């Protein structure tokens, strides 16, 4: 299914004193993975959809005569990108809290290279 020699680079806490080039086992708590996914995907999606609906209602209430759906979609997209910008600005805060970082817990031997979920 995939390349056996695939490599991945991620930022983690090094609690196993791993060195550059070591094969390591990493963990991240499930609730933290779900929290990070919620911040990265769900919040911008909700802002996008709410932005569309609210802007369409506001444009209709103010008597806008143009393409209300297109304007609503554009406003929703702008709000979604602003949300992504706010998330990016808080990226360092997320990293320093260490809540959303994976943790290196073990340096693996060459024989221990299987991946399990």
PDB file of N, CA and C in Angstrom:
ATOM      1  N   UNK A   1       0.820  -1.187   0.000  1.00  0.00           N
ATOM      2  CA  UNK A   1       0.000   0.000   0.000  1.00  0.00           C
ATOM      3  C   UNK A   1       0.860   1.246   0.000  1.00  0.00           C
ATOM      4  N   UNK A   2       1.953   1.231   0.722  1.00  0.00           N
ATOM      5  CA  UNK A   2       2.817   2.395   0.801  1.00  0.00           C
ATOM      6  C   UNK A   2       4.266   1.994   0.678  1.00  0.00           C
ATOM      7  N   UNK A   3       5.105   2.969   0.617  1.00  0.00           N
ATOM      8  CA  UNK A   3       6.538   2.736   0.504  1.00  0.00           C
ATOM      9  C   UNK A   3       7.083   2.307   1.862  1.00  0.00           C
ATOM     10  N   UNK A   4       7.777   1.190   1.904  1.00  0.00           N
ATOM     11  CA  UNK A   4       8.343   0.673   3.156  1.00  0.00           C
ATOM     12  C   UNK A   4       9.348   1.634   3.777  1.00  0.00           C
ATOM     13  N   UNK A   5      10.003   2.453   2.969  1.00  0.00           N
ATOM     14  CA  UNK A   5      11.037   3.358   3.468  1.00  0.00           C
ATOM     15  C   UNK A   5      10.527   4.782   3.666  1.00  0.00           C
ATOM     16  N   UNK A   6       9.224   4.926   3.804  1.00  0.00           N
ATOM     17  CA  UNK A   6       8.647   6.248   3.979  1.00  0.00           C
ATOM     18  C   UNK A   6       9.139   6.865   5.286  1.00  0.00           C
ATOM     19  N   UNK A   7       9.505   8.140   5.237  1.00  0.00           N
ATOM     20  CA  UNK A   7       9.937   8.854   6.422  1.00  0.00           C
ATOM     21  C   UNK A   7       8.996  10.010   6.674  1.00  0.00           C
ATOM     22  N   UNK A   8       8.847  10.360   7.937  1.00  0.00           N
ATOM     23  CA  UNK A   8       7.972  11.449   8.313  1.00  0.00           C
ATOM     24  C   UNK A   8       8.711  12.308   9.335  1.00  0.00           C
ATOM     25  N   UNK A   9       8.544  13.606   9.221  1.00  0.00           N
ATOM     26  CA  UNK A   9       9.142  14.520  10.181  1.00  0.00           C
ATOM     27  C   UNK A   9       8.026  15.230  10.920  1.00  0.00           C
ATOM     28  N   UNK A  10       8.057  15.133  12.255  1.00  0.00           N
ATOM     29  CA  UNK A  10       7.074  15.825  13.085  1.00  0.00           C
ATOM     30  C   UNK A  10       7.795  16.431  14.280  1.00  0.00           C
ATOM     31  N   UNK A  11       7.145  17.401  14.898  1.00  0.00           N
ATOM     32  CA  UNK A  11       7.692  18.001  16.101  1.00  0.00           C
ATOM     33  C   UNK A  11       7.141  17.266  17.306  1.00  0.00           C
ATOM     34  N   UNK A  12       8.013  16.815  18.206  1.00  0.00           N
ATOM     35  CA  UNK A  12       7.566  16.096  19.404  1.00  0.00           C
ATOM     36  C   UNK A  12       8.440  16.442  20.591  1.00  0.00           C
ATOM     37  N   UNK A  13       7.926  16.067  21.751  1.00  0.00           N
ATOM     38  CA  UNK A  13       8.736  16.149  22.959  1.00  0.00           C
ATOM     39  C   UNK A  13       9.616  14.906  23.003  1.00  0.00           C
ATOM     40  N   UNK A  14      10.892  15.086  23.287  1.00  0.00           N
ATOM     41  CA  UNK A  14      11.841  13.973  23.259  1.00  0.00           C
ATOM     42  C   UNK A  14      12.091  13.478  24.683  1.00  0.00           C
ATOM     43  N   UNK A  15      11.182  12.636  25.185  1.00  0.00           N
ATOM     44  CA  UNK A  15      11.325  12.112  26.549  1.00  0.00           C
ATOM     45  C   UNK A  15      12.159  10.843  26.599  1.00  0.00           C
ATOM     46  N   UNK A  16      12.588  10.330  25.439  1.00  0.00           N
ATOM     47  CA  UNK A  16      13.387   9.103  25.396  1.00  0.00           C
ATOM     48  C   UNK A  16      14.840   9.402  25.045  1.00  0.00           C
ATOM     49  N   UNK A  17      15.219  10.674  25.014  1.00  0.00           N
ATOM     50  CA  UNK A  17      16.576  11.085  24.650  1.00  0.00           C
ATOM     51  C   UNK A  17      17.017  10.501  23.310  1.00  0.00           C
ATOM     52  N   UNK A  18      16.134  10.539  22.328  1.00  0.00           N
ATOM     53  CA  UNK A  18      16.447  10.031  20.994  1.00  0.00           C
ATOM     54  C   UNK A  18      17.427  10.981  20.305  1.00  0.00           C
ATOM     55  N   UNK A  19      18.211  10.424  19.415  1.00  0.00           N
ATOM     56  CA  UNK A  19      19.170  11.195  18.635  1.00  0.00           C
ATOM     57  C   UNK A  19      18.674  11.299  17.191  1.00  0.00           C
ATOM     58  N   UNK A  20      19.224  12.235  16.451  1.00  0.00           N
ATOM     59  CA  UNK A  20      18.872  12.401  15.052  1.00  0.00           C
ATOM     60  C   UNK A  20      19.155  11.098  14.315  1.00  0.00           C
ATOM     61  N   UNK A  21      18.186  10.618  13.550  1.00  0.00           N
ATOM     62  CA  UNK A  21      18.334   9.390  12.783  1.00  0.00           C
ATOM     63  C   UNK A  21      17.782   8.159  13.484  1.00  0.00           C
ATOM     64  N   UNK A  22      17.446   8.260  14.777  1.00  0.00           N
ATOM     65  CA  UNK A  22      16.884   7.119  15.502  1.00  0.00           C
ATOM     66  C   UNK A  22      15.458   6.851  15.036  1.00  0.00           C
ATOM     67  N   UNK A  23      15.085   5.576  15.047  1.00  0.00           N
ATOM     68  CA  UNK A  23      13.691   5.206  14.842  1.00  0.00           C
ATOM     69  C   UNK A  23      13.037   5.242  16.214  1.00  0.00           C
ATOM     70  N   UNK A  24      11.890   5.903  16.312  1.00  0.00           N
ATOM     71  CA  UNK A  24      11.284   6.110  17.617  1.00  0.00           C
ATOM     72  C   UNK A  24       9.806   5.735  17.614  1.00  0.00           C
ATOM     73  N   UNK A  25       9.299   5.482  18.807  1.00  0.00           N
ATOM     74  CA  UNK A  25       7.869   5.285  19.010  1.00  0.00           C
ATOM     75  C   UNK A  25       7.318   6.574  19.595  1.00  0.00           C
ATOM     76  N   UNK A  26       6.241   7.061  18.995  1.00  0.00           N
ATOM     77  CA  UNK A  26       5.644   8.292  19.492  1.00  0.00           C
ATOM     78  C   UNK A  26       4.193   8.032  19.887  1.00  0.00           C
ATOM     79  N   UNK A  27       3.701   8.804  20.823  1.00  0.00           N
ATOM     80  CA  UNK A  27       2.305   8.702  21.242  1.00  0.00           C
ATOM     81  C   UNK A  27       1.719  10.104  21.370  1.00  0.00           C
ATOM     82  N   UNK A  28       0.407  10.159  21.239  1.00  0.00           N
ATOM     83  CA  UNK A  28      -0.332  11.381  21.499  1.00  0.00           C
ATOM     84  C   UNK A  28      -1.691  10.946  22.009  1.00  0.00           C
ATOM     85  N   UNK A  29      -2.156  11.564  23.070  1.00  0.00           N
ATOM     86  CA  UNK A  29      -3.434  11.178  23.642  1.00  0.00           C
ATOM     87  C   UNK A  29      -4.556  11.440  22.649  1.00  0.00           C
ATOM     88  N   UNK A  30      -5.514  10.517  22.603  1.00  0.00           N
ATOM     89  CA  UNK A  30      -6.616  10.585  21.645  1.00  0.00           C
ATOM     90  C   UNK A  30      -7.379  11.890  21.751  1.00  0.00           C
ATOM     91  N   UNK A  31      -7.670  12.333  22.978  1.00  0.00           N
ATOM     92  CA  UNK A  31      -8.435  13.572  23.119  1.00  0.00           C
ATOM     93  C   UNK A  31      -7.665  14.770  22.587  1.00  0.00           C
ATOM     94  N   UNK A  32      -6.333  14.733  22.652  1.00  0.00           N
ATOM     95  CA  UNK A  32      -5.539  15.828  22.103  1.00  0.00           C
ATOM     96  C   UNK A  32      -5.549  15.805  20.578  1.00  0.00           C
ATOM     97  N   UNK A  33      -5.525  14.615  19.996  1.00  0.00           N
ATOM     98  CA  UNK A  33      -5.611  14.496  18.537  1.00  0.00           C
ATOM     99  C   UNK A  33      -6.967  15.021  18.066  1.00  0.00           C
ATOM    100  N   UNK A  34      -8.021  14.629  18.763  1.00  0.00           N
ATOM    101  CA  UNK A  34      -9.357  15.091  18.391  1.00  0.00           C
ATOM    102  C   UNK A  34      -9.500  16.594  18.610  1.00  0.00           C
ATOM    103  N   UNK A  35      -8.904  17.111  19.670  1.00  0.00           N
ATOM    104  CA  UNK A  35      -8.943  18.551  19.920  1.00  0.00           C
ATOM    105  C   UNK A  35      -8.236  19.335  18.836  1.00  0.00           C
ATOM    106  N   UNK A  36      -7.080  18.845  18.422  1.00  0.00           N
ATOM    107  CA  UNK A  36      -6.329  19.509  17.353  1.00  0.00           C
ATOM    108  C   UNK A  36      -7.096  19.448  16.040  1.00  0.00           C
ATOM    109  N   UNK A  37      -7.704  18.306  15.741  1.00  0.00           N
ATOM    110  CA  UNK A  37      -8.503  18.177  14.515  1.00  0.00           C
ATOM    111  C   UNK A  37      -9.712  19.107  14.563  1.00  0.00           C
ATOM    112  N   UNK A  38     -10.328  19.243  15.734  1.00  0.00           N
ATOM    113  CA  UNK A  38     -11.473  20.139  15.891  1.00  0.00           C
ATOM    114  C   UNK A  38     -11.058  21.576  15.611  1.00  0.00           C
ATOM    115  N   UNK A  39      -9.926  21.988  16.175  1.00  0.00           N
ATOM    116  CA  UNK A  39      -9.438  23.358  15.967  1.00  0.00           C
ATOM    117  C   UNK A  39      -9.100  23.591  14.498  1.00  0.00           C
ATOM    118  N   UNK A  40      -8.453  22.617  13.871  1.00  0.00           N
ATOM    119  CA  UNK A  40      -7.971  22.804  12.503  1.00  0.00           C
ATOM    120  C   UNK A  40      -9.063  22.682  11.446  1.00  0.00           C
ATOM    121  N   UNK A  41     -10.088  21.866  11.702  1.00  0.00           N
ATOM    122  CA  UNK A  41     -11.068  21.591  10.654  1.00  0.00           C
ATOM    123  C   UNK A  41     -12.489  22.036  10.993  1.00  0.00           C
ATOM    124  N   UNK A  42     -12.968  21.721  12.177  1.00  0.00           N
ATOM    125  CA  UNK A  42     -14.369  21.969  12.502  1.00  0.00           C
ATOM    126  C   UNK A  42     -14.642  23.454  12.732  1.00  0.00           C
ATOM    127  N   UNK A  43     -13.796  24.116  13.505  1.00  0.00           N
ATOM    128  CA  UNK A  43     -14.026  25.538  13.785  1.00  0.00           C
ATOM    129  C   UNK A  43     -14.051  26.364  12.493  1.00  0.00           C
ATOM    130  N   UNK A  44     -13.063  26.227  11.589  1.00  0.00           N
ATOM    131  CA  UNK A  44     -13.148  26.996  10.337  1.00  0.00           C
ATOM    132  C   UNK A  44     -14.382  26.643   9.495  1.00  0.00           C
ATOM    133  N   UNK A  45     -14.782  25.374   9.485  1.00  0.00           N
ATOM    134  CA  UNK A  45     -15.971  24.976   8.729  1.00  0.00           C
ATOM    135  C   UNK A  45     -17.225  25.627   9.311  1.00  0.00           C
ATOM    136  N   UNK A  46     -17.349  25.623  10.626  1.00  0.00           N
ATOM    137  CA  UNK A  46     -18.511  26.247  11.266  1.00  0.00           C
ATOM    138  C   UNK A  46     -18.523  27.752  10.989  1.00  0.00           C
ATOM    139  N   UNK A  47     -17.354  28.400  11.088  1.00  0.00           N
ATOM    140  CA  UNK A  47     -17.281  29.839  10.799  1.00  0.00           C
ATOM    141  C   UNK A  47     -17.681  30.102   9.351  1.00  0.00           C
ATOM    142  N   UNK A  48     -17.236  29.266   8.438  1.00  0.00           N
ATOM    143  CA  UNK A  48     -17.593  29.401   7.021  1.00  0.00           C
ATOM    144  C   UNK A  48     -19.106  29.320   6.821  1.00  0.00           C
ATOM    145  N   UNK A  49     -19.725  28.277   7.380  1.00  0.00           N
ATOM    146  CA  UNK A  49     -21.163  28.081   7.189  1.00  0.00           C
ATOM    147  C   UNK A  49     -21.985  29.166   7.882  1.00  0.00           C
ATOM    148  N   UNK A  50     -21.616  29.507   9.105  1.00  0.00           N
ATOM    149  CA  UNK A  50     -22.334  30.569   9.816  1.00  0.00           C
ATOM    150  C   UNK A  50     -22.137  31.904   9.093  1.00  0.00           C
ATOM    151  N   UNK A  51     -20.928  32.133   8.594  1.00  0.00           N
ATOM    152  CA  UNK A  51     -20.667  33.360   7.837  1.00  0.00           C
ATOM    153  C   UNK A  51     -21.539  33.474   6.617  1.00  0.00           C
ATOM    154  N   UNK A  52     -21.728  32.371   5.910  1.00  0.00           N
ATOM    155  CA  UNK A  52     -22.598  32.376   4.729  1.00  0.00           C
ATOM    156  C   UNK A  52     -24.039  32.714   5.136  1.00  0.00           C
ATOM    157  N   UNK A  53     -24.552  31.983   6.115  1.00  0.00           N
ATOM    158  CA  UNK A  53     -25.949  32.166   6.508  1.00  0.00           C
ATOM    159  C   UNK A  53     -26.221  33.558   7.065  1.00  0.00           C
ATOM    160  N   UNK A  54     -25.371  34.025   7.961  1.00  0.00           N
ATOM    161  CA  UNK A  54     -25.586  35.344   8.572  1.00  0.00           C
ATOM    162  C   UNK A  54     -25.435  36.450   7.539  1.00  0.00           C
ATOM    163  N   UNK A  55     -24.422  36.337   6.694  1.00  0.00           N
ATOM    164  CA  UNK A  55     -24.237  37.401   5.698  1.00  0.00           C
ATOM    165  C   UNK A  55     -25.371  37.425   4.681  1.00  0.00           C
ATOM    166  N   UNK A  56     -25.895  36.257   4.304  1.00  0.00           N
ATOM    167  CA  UNK A  56     -27.028  36.238   3.375  1.00  0.00           C
ATOM    168  C   UNK A  56     -28.256  36.892   4.002  1.00  0.00           C
ATOM    169  N   UNK A  57     -28.506  36.607   5.270  1.00  0.00           N
ATOM    170  CA  UNK A  57     -29.638  37.232   5.960  1.00  0.00           C
ATOM    171  C   UNK A  57     -29.430  38.738   6.087  1.00  0.00           C
ATOM    172  N   UNK A  58     -28.192  39.139   6.438  1.00  0.00           N
ATOM    173  CA  UNK A  58     -27.898  40.568   6.598  1.00  0.00           C
ATOM    174  C   UNK A  58     -28.017  41.296   5.259  1.00  0.00           C
ATOM    175  N   UNK A  59     -27.515  40.685   4.200  1.00  0.00           N
ATOM    176  CA  UNK A  59     -27.611  41.314   2.881  1.00  0.00           C
ATOM    177  C   UNK A  59     -29.065  41.444   2.431  1.00  0.00           C
ATOM    178  N   UNK A  60     -29.859  40.406   2.684  1.00  0.00           N
ATOM    179  CA  UNK A  60     -31.276  40.445   2.327  1.00  0.00           C
ATOM    180  C   UNK A  60     -31.999  41.522   3.135  1.00  0.00           C
ATOM    181  N   UNK A  61     -31.712  41.590   4.428  1.00  0.00           N
ATOM    182  CA  UNK A  61     -32.363  42.576   5.297  1.00  0.00           C
ATOM    183  C   UNK A  61     -31.993  44.001   4.911  1.00  0.00           C
ATOM    184  N   UNK A  62     -30.807  44.195   4.364  1.00  0.00           N
ATOM    185  CA  UNK A  62     -30.368  45.536   3.967  1.00  0.00           C
ATOM    186  C   UNK A  62     -30.719  45.875   2.523  1.00  0.00           C
ATOM    187  N   UNK A  63     -31.480  44.985   1.862  1.00  0.00           N
ATOM    188  CA  UNK A  63     -31.961  45.272   0.516  1.00  0.00           C
ATOM    189  C   UNK A  63     -30.919  45.119  -0.576  1.00  0.00           C
ATOM    190  N   UNK A  64     -29.899  44.300  -0.372  1.00  0.00           N
ATOM    191  CA  UNK A  64     -28.876  44.071  -1.393  1.00  0.00           C
ATOM    192  C   UNK A  64     -29.522  43.436  -2.619  1.00  0.00           C
ATOM    193  N   UNK A  65     -29.259  43.982  -3.791  1.00  0.00           N
ATOM    194  CA  UNK A  65     -29.907  43.516  -5.009  1.00  0.00           C
ATOM    195  C   UNK A  65     -29.023  42.597  -5.857  1.00  0.00           C
ATOM    196  N   UNK A  66     -27.771  42.402  -5.476  1.00  0.00           N
ATOM    197  CA  UNK A  66     -26.856  41.577  -6.269  1.00  0.00           C
ATOM    198  C   UNK A  66     -27.038  40.093  -5.982  1.00  0.00           C
ATOM    199  N   UNK A  67     -26.042  39.330  -6.337  1.00  0.00           N
ATOM    200  CA  UNK A  67     -26.037  37.881  -6.130  1.00  0.00           C
ATOM    201  C   UNK A  67     -25.790  37.598  -4.644  1.00  0.00           C
ATOM    202  N   UNK A  68     -26.857  37.352  -3.905  1.00  0.00           N
ATOM    203  CA  UNK A  68     -26.758  37.169  -2.456  1.00  0.00           C
ATOM    204  C   UNK A  68     -25.986  35.894  -2.113  1.00  0.00           C
ATOM    205  N   UNK A  69     -26.228  34.815  -2.850  1.00  0.00           N
ATOM    206  CA  UNK A  69     -25.532  33.555  -2.568  1.00  0.00           C
ATOM    207  C   UNK A  69     -24.029  33.690  -2.798  1.00  0.00           C
ATOM    208  N   UNK A  70     -23.660  34.319  -3.899  1.00  0.00           N
ATOM    209  CA  UNK A  70     -22.239  34.508  -4.197  1.00  0.00           C
ATOM    210  C   UNK A  70     -21.558  35.410  -3.181  1.00  0.00           C
ATOM    211  N   UNK A  71     -22.239  36.501  -2.814  1.00  0.00           N
ATOM    212  CA  UNK A  71     -21.676  37.408  -1.813  1.00  0.00           C
ATOM    213  C   UNK A  71     -21.564  36.713  -0.468  1.00  0.00           C
ATOM    214  N   UNK A  72     -22.570  35.914  -0.118  1.00  0.00           N
ATOM    215  CA  UNK A  72     -22.532  35.168   1.142  1.00  0.00           C
ATOM    216  C   UNK A  72     -21.385  34.170   1.173  1.00  0.00           C
ATOM    217  N   UNK A  73     -21.195  33.473   0.042  1.00  0.00           N
ATOM    218  CA  UNK A  73     -20.086  32.512  -0.043  1.00  0.00           C
ATOM    219  C   UNK A  73     -18.742  33.222   0.067  1.00  0.00           C
ATOM    220  N   UNK A  74     -18.615  34.361  -0.578  1.00  0.00           N
ATOM    221  CA  UNK A  74     -17.368  35.118  -0.509  1.00  0.00           C
ATOM    222  C   UNK A  74     -17.084  35.591   0.917  1.00  0.00           C
ATOM    223  N   UNK A  75     -18.101  36.111   1.581  1.00  0.00           N
ATOM    224  CA  UNK A  75     -17.929  36.554   2.966  1.00  0.00           C
ATOM    225  C   UNK A  75     -17.584  35.363   3.863  1.00  0.00           C
ATOM    226  N   UNK A  76     -18.257  34.219   3.654  1.00  0.00           N
ATOM    227  CA  UNK A  76     -17.940  33.008   4.420  1.00  0.00           C
ATOM    228  C   UNK A  76     -16.504  32.574   4.220  1.00  0.00           C
ATOM    229  N   UNK A  77     -16.015  32.619   2.973  1.00  0.00           N
ATOM    230  CA  UNK A  77     -14.617  32.254   2.697  1.00  0.00           C
ATOM    231  C   UNK A  77     -13.643  33.201   3.380  1.00  0.00           C
ATOM    232  N   UNK A  78     -13.930  34.492   3.315  1.00  0.00           N
ATOM    233  CA  UNK A  78     -13.060  35.468   3.971  1.00  0.00           C
ATOM    234  C   UNK A  78     -13.003  35.208   5.470  1.00  0.00           C
ATOM    235  N   UNK A  79     -14.157  34.960   6.082  1.00  0.00           N
ATOM    236  CA  UNK A  79     -14.182  34.674   7.517  1.00  0.00           C
ATOM    237  C   UNK A  79     -13.437  33.384   7.851  1.00  0.00           C
ATOM    238  N   UNK A  80     -13.548  32.372   6.981  1.00  0.00           N
ATOM    239  CA  UNK A  80     -12.837  31.119   7.211  1.00  0.00           C
ATOM    240  C   UNK A  80     -11.326  31.340   7.147  1.00  0.00           C
ATOM    241  N   UNK A  81     -10.858  32.112   6.165  1.00  0.00           N
ATOM    242  CA  UNK A  81      -9.425  32.377   6.069  1.00  0.00           C
ATOM    243  C   UNK A  81      -8.931  33.222   7.233  1.00  0.00           C
ATOM    244  N   UNK A  82      -9.764  34.133   7.723  1.00  0.00           N
ATOM    245  CA  UNK A  82      -9.396  34.891   8.924  1.00  0.00           C
ATOM    246  C   UNK A  82      -9.262  33.939  10.114  1.00  0.00           C
ATOM    247  N   UNK A  83     -10.179  32.975  10.210  1.00  0.00           N
ATOM    248  CA  UNK A  83     -10.103  31.980  11.285  1.00  0.00           C
ATOM    249  C   UNK A  83      -8.816  31.182  11.196  1.00  0.00           C
ATOM    250  N   UNK A  84      -8.442  30.747   9.986  1.00  0.00           N
ATOM    251  CA  UNK A  84      -7.169  30.037   9.818  1.00  0.00           C
ATOM    252  C   UNK A  84      -5.997  30.933  10.216  1.00  0.00           C
ATOM    253  N   UNK A  85      -6.075  32.223   9.910  1.00  0.00           N
ATOM    254  CA  UNK A  85      -5.018  33.152  10.311  1.00  0.00           C
ATOM    255  C   UNK A  85      -4.898  33.258  11.814  1.00  0.00           C
ATOM    256  N   UNK A  86      -6.040  33.315  12.508  1.00  0.00           N
ATOM    257  CA  UNK A  86      -6.020  33.377  13.973  1.00  0.00           C
ATOM    258  C   UNK A  86      -5.422  32.089  14.553  1.00  0.00           C
ATOM    259  N   UNK A  87      -5.787  30.953  13.970  1.00  0.00           N
ATOM    260  CA  UNK A  87      -5.207  29.679  14.425  1.00  0.00           C
ATOM    261  C   UNK A  87      -3.698  29.688  14.213  1.00  0.00           C
ATOM    262  N   UNK A  88      -3.242  30.159  13.059  1.00  0.00           N
ATOM    263  CA  UNK A  88      -1.808  30.217  12.760  1.00  0.00           C
ATOM    264  C   UNK A  88      -1.086  31.162  13.722  1.00  0.00           C
ATOM    265  N   UNK A  89      -1.710  32.295  14.052  1.00  0.00           N
ATOM    266  CA  UNK A  89      -1.096  33.229  14.998  1.00  0.00           C
ATOM    267  C   UNK A  89      -0.937  32.609  16.388  1.00  0.00           C
ATOM    268  N   UNK A  90      -1.820  31.683  16.729  1.00  0.00           N
ATOM    269  CA  UNK A  90      -1.752  31.017  18.033  1.00  0.00           C
ATOM    270  C   UNK A  90      -0.946  29.725  17.994  1.00  0.00           C
ATOM    271  N   UNK A  91      -0.315  29.429  16.870  1.00  0.00           N
ATOM    272  CA  UNK A  91       0.452  28.200  16.706  1.00  0.00           C
ATOM    273  C   UNK A  91       1.543  28.055  17.770  1.00  0.00           C
ATOM    274  N   UNK A  92       2.270  29.122  18.037  1.00  0.00           N
ATOM    275  CA  UNK A  92       3.335  29.053  19.054  1.00  0.00           C
ATOM    276  C   UNK A  92       2.759  28.780  20.440  1.00  0.00           C
ATOM    277  N   UNK A  93       1.603  29.359  20.726  1.00  0.00           N
ATOM    278  CA  UNK A  93       0.958  29.109  22.016  1.00  0.00           C
ATOM    279  C   UNK A  93       0.584  27.632  22.152  1.00  0.00           C
ATOM    280  N   UNK A  94       0.097  27.023  21.068  1.00  0.00           N
ATOM    281  CA  UNK A  94      -0.237  25.608  21.091  1.00  0.00           C
ATOM    282  C   UNK A  94       1.020  24.765  21.320  1.00  0.00           C
ATOM    283  N   UNK A  95       2.124  25.151  20.676  1.00  0.00           N
ATOM    284  CA  UNK A  95       3.371  24.396  20.827  1.00  0.00           C
ATOM    285  C   UNK A  95       3.936  24.507  22.229  1.00  0.00           C
ATOM    286  N   UNK A  96       3.908  25.706  22.813  1.00  0.00           N
ATOM    287  CA  UNK A  96       4.487  25.867  24.145  1.00  0.00           C
ATOM    288  C   UNK A  96       3.618  25.226  25.219  1.00  0.00           C
ATOM    289  N   UNK A  97       2.323  25.046  24.962  1.00  0.00           N
ATOM    290  CA  UNK A  97       1.478  24.376  25.946  1.00  0.00           C
ATOM    291  C   UNK A  97       1.773  22.880  25.987  1.00  0.00           C
ATOM    292  N   UNK A  98       2.375  22.354  24.932  1.00  0.00           N
ATOM    293  CA  UNK A  98       2.749  20.951  24.790  1.00  0.00           C
ATOM    294  C   UNK A  98       1.552  20.006  24.790  1.00  0.00           C
ATOM    295  N   UNK A  99       0.349  20.539  24.847  1.00  0.00           N
ATOM    296  CA  UNK A  99      -0.847  19.703  24.866  1.00  0.00           C
ATOM    297  C   UNK A  99      -1.047  18.980  23.543  1.00  0.00           C
ATOM    298  N   UNK A 100      -0.729  19.651  22.448  1.00  0.00           N
ATOM    299  CA  UNK A 100      -0.993  19.087  21.129  1.00  0.00           C
ATOM    300  C   UNK A 100       0.257  18.506  20.474  1.00  0.00           C
ATOM    301  N   UNK A 101       1.325  18.317  21.231  1.00  0.00           N
ATOM    302  CA  UNK A 101       2.541  17.728  20.686  1.00  0.00           C
ATOM    303  C   UNK A 101       2.594  16.241  20.974  1.00  0.00           C
ATOM    304  N   UNK A 102       3.138  15.476  20.043  1.00  0.00           N
ATOM    305  CA  UNK A 102       3.396  14.065  20.272  1.00  0.00           C
ATOM    306  C   UNK A 102       4.596  13.924  21.195  1.00  0.00           C
ATOM    307  N   UNK A 103       4.734  12.744  21.797  1.00  0.00           N
ATOM    308  CA  UNK A 103       5.825  12.497  22.730  1.00  0.00           C
ATOM    309  C   UNK A 103       6.600  11.269  22.271  1.00  0.00           C
ATOM    310  N   UNK A 104       7.930  11.406  22.166  1.00  0.00           N
ATOM    311  CA  UNK A 104       8.789  10.260  21.873  1.00  0.00           C
ATOM    312  C   UNK A 104       8.933   9.495  23.180  1.00  0.00           C
ATOM    313  N   UNK A 105       8.468   8.222  23.186  1.00  0.00           N
ATOM    314  CA  UNK A 105       8.517   7.456  24.427  1.00  0.00           C
ATOM    315  C   UNK A 105       9.560   6.346  24.410  1.00  0.00           C
ATOM    316  N   UNK A 106      10.062   6.019  23.200  1.00  0.00           N
ATOM    317  CA  UNK A 106      10.980   4.886  23.126  1.00  0.00           C
ATOM    318  C   UNK A 106      11.800   4.966  21.851  1.00  0.00           C
ATOM    319  N   UNK A 107      13.088   4.651  21.962  1.00  0.00           N
ATOM    320  CA  UNK A 107      13.941   4.500  20.786  1.00  0.00           C
ATOM    321  C   UNK A 107      13.855   3.033  20.386  1.00  0.00           C
ATOM    322  N   UNK A 108      13.516   2.769  19.117  1.00  0.00           N
ATOM    323  CA  UNK A 108      13.302   1.406  18.638  1.00  0.00           C
ATOM    324  C   UNK A 108      14.579   0.788  18.107  1.00  0.00           C
ATOM    325  N   UNK A 109      14.660  -0.532  18.252  1.00  0.00           N
ATOM    326  CA  UNK A 109      15.719  -1.287  17.593  1.00  0.00           C
ATOM    327  C   UNK A 109      15.318  -1.449  16.133  1.00  0.00           C
ATOM    328  N   UNK A 110      16.251  -1.846  15.303  1.00  0.00           N
ATOM    329  CA  UNK A 110      15.957  -2.038  13.882  1.00  0.00           C
ATOM    330  C   UNK A 110      14.866  -3.094  13.669  1.00  0.00           C
ATOM    331  N   UNK A 111      14.735  -4.054  14.578  1.00  0.00           N
ATOM    332  CA  UNK A 111      13.730  -5.112  14.438  1.00  0.00           C
ATOM    333  C   UNK A 111      12.333  -4.635  14.811  1.00  0.00           C
ATOM    334  N   UNK A 112      12.217  -3.543  15.527  1.00  0.00           N
ATOM    335  CA  UNK A 112      10.932  -3.046  16.017  1.00  0.00           C
ATOM    336  C   UNK A 112      10.350  -1.955  15.130  1.00  0.00           C
ATOM    337  N   UNK A 113      10.377  -2.149  13.838  1.00  0.00           N
ATOM    338  CA  UNK A 113       9.963  -1.075  12.940  1.00  0.00           C
ATOM    339  C   UNK A 113       8.554  -1.207  12.413  1.00  0.00           C
ATOM    340  N   UNK A 114       7.742  -2.106  12.968  1.00  0.00           N
ATOM    341  CA  UNK A 114       6.375  -2.213  12.463  1.00  0.00           C
ATOM    342  C   UNK A 114       5.528  -1.077  13.018  1.00  0.00           C
ATOM    343  N   UNK A 115       4.517  -0.727  12.269  1.00  0.00           N
ATOM    344  CA  UNK A 115       3.636   0.386  12.658  1.00  0.00           C
ATOM    345  C   UNK A 115       2.326  -0.195  13.120  1.00  0.00           C
ATOM    346  N   UNK A 116       1.851   0.234  14.276  1.00  0.00           N
ATOM    347  CA  UNK A 116       0.547  -0.209  14.762  1.00  0.00           C
ATOM    348  C   UNK A 116      -0.253   0.989  15.205  1.00  0.00           C
ATOM    349  N   UNK A 117      -1.556   0.920  15.028  1.00  0.00           N
ATOM    350  CA  UNK A 117      -2.423   2.024  15.414  1.00  0.00           C
ATOM    351  C   UNK A 117      -3.276   1.631  16.585  1.00  0.00           C
TER     352      UNK A 117
END
